[in-house]
Amino acid sequence: MTRTLTVCLLVLIGSGLFVACEEPPPLRLTSRQRERVDSLYVDAVKGLNEEMDSLCSLRYKTELPLMVDSLVQVRRSEEARLRKKYQRK
């Protein structure tokens, strides 16, 4: 009898662990909850868009001159290399 009880207990524990590993069902929202979530999302995105625009403008002002200077420097070095190459001939 104790062996049967032990087997039943192990089966119950095993099945309980098996069920515990399943993912919970997807969340179901009411239409009012969906509207609220949408409005919260839109409000958050508006704030983020403004912040991203300001960061982009700041980055544009600080990094663009450096990039242009770098490109000009590369082009000038290429031009100097070509001039040396054709002056030899």
Protein backbone atom coordinates (compact mmCIF):
# COMPACT_ATOMS: atom_id res chain seq x y z
CA MET A 1 0.00 0.00 0.00
CA THR A 2 2.82 2.44 0.74
CA ARG A 3 4.36 1.67 -2.64
CA THR A 4 1.09 2.50 -4.41
CA LEU A 5 0.79 5.69 -2.40
CA THR A 6 4.37 6.64 -3.30
CA VAL A 7 3.74 6.01 -7.01
CA CYS A 8 0.54 8.08 -6.94
CA LEU A 9 2.34 10.88 -5.14
CA LEU A 10 5.18 10.86 -7.69
CA VAL A 11 2.69 10.91 -10.58
CA LEU A 12 0.84 13.85 -9.04
CA ILE A 13 4.05 15.79 -8.43
CA GLY A 14 5.30 15.03 -11.95
CA SER A 15 2.08 16.12 -13.59
CA GLY A 16 2.05 19.27 -11.46
CA LEU A 17 5.57 20.11 -12.63
CA PHE A 18 4.62 19.43 -16.23
CA VAL A 19 1.66 21.81 -16.04
CA ALA A 20 3.79 24.45 -14.31
CA CYS A 21 6.16 24.57 -17.31
CA GLU A 22 3.48 25.73 -19.72
CA GLU A 23 3.29 29.36 -20.78
CA PRO A 24 0.41 31.38 -19.40
CA PRO A 25 -2.41 32.10 -21.84
CA PRO A 26 -2.17 35.38 -23.75
CA LEU A 27 -3.55 38.44 -22.04
CA ARG A 28 -7.00 39.46 -23.22
CA LEU A 29 -7.90 43.11 -22.97
CA THR A 30 -11.29 44.72 -23.16
CA SER A 31 -11.87 47.43 -25.75
CA ARG A 32 -11.66 50.10 -23.05
CA GLN A 33 -8.34 48.70 -21.85
CA ARG A 34 -7.03 48.60 -25.44
CA GLU A 35 -8.00 52.24 -25.95
CA ARG A 36 -6.21 53.19 -22.74
CA VAL A 37 -3.08 51.29 -23.73
CA ASP A 38 -3.13 52.94 -27.16
CA SER A 39 -3.47 56.43 -25.68
CA LEU A 40 -0.61 55.76 -23.22
CA TYR A 41 1.53 54.52 -26.09
CA VAL A 42 0.78 57.56 -28.26
CA ASP A 43 1.60 59.92 -25.38
CA ALA A 44 4.89 58.13 -24.69
CA VAL A 45 5.88 58.13 -28.36
CA LYS A 46 5.20 61.88 -28.69
CA GLY A 47 7.63 62.58 -25.86
CA LEU A 48 10.20 60.22 -27.28
CA ASN A 49 9.93 61.74 -30.77
CA GLU A 50 10.61 65.21 -29.41
CA GLU A 51 13.60 63.97 -27.43
CA MET A 52 14.97 62.00 -30.38
CA ASP A 53 14.60 65.03 -32.67
CA SER A 54 16.51 67.25 -30.27
CA LEU A 55 19.25 64.63 -29.85
CA CYS A 56 19.47 64.25 -33.63
CA SER A 57 19.79 68.00 -34.11
CA LEU A 58 22.49 68.23 -31.47
CA ARG A 59 24.38 65.31 -32.96
CA TYR A 60 24.05 66.80 -36.45
CA LYS A 61 25.54 70.12 -35.28
CA THR A 62 28.46 68.51 -33.46
CA GLU A 63 29.37 65.56 -35.68
CA LEU A 64 28.72 66.84 -39.20
CA PRO A 65 31.64 69.31 -39.25
CA LEU A 66 34.00 66.57 -38.06
CA MET A 67 32.78 64.21 -40.76
CA VAL A 68 33.11 66.85 -43.47
CA ASP A 69 36.63 67.71 -42.30
CA SER A 70 37.52 64.03 -42.37
CA LEU A 71 36.17 63.61 -45.91
CA VAL A 72 37.99 66.72 -47.10
CA GLN A 73 41.22 65.44 -45.57
CA VAL A 74 40.83 62.07 -47.33
CA ARG A 75 40.11 63.75 -50.68
CA ARG A 76 43.07 66.07 -50.33
CA SER A 77 45.40 63.19 -49.54
CA GLU A 78 44.07 61.30 -52.58
CA GLU A 79 44.58 64.39 -54.72
CA ALA A 80 48.14 64.81 -53.43
CA ARG A 81 48.89 61.16 -54.12
CA LEU A 82 47.57 61.48 -57.68
CA ARG A 83 49.54 64.66 -58.28
CA LYS A 84 52.74 62.94 -57.16
CA LYS A 85 51.97 59.96 -59.35
CA TYR A 86 51.51 62.08 -62.52
CA GLN A 87 54.38 64.50 -61.79
CA ARG A 88 56.88 61.64 -61.98
CA LYS A 89 56.02 60.84 -65.58
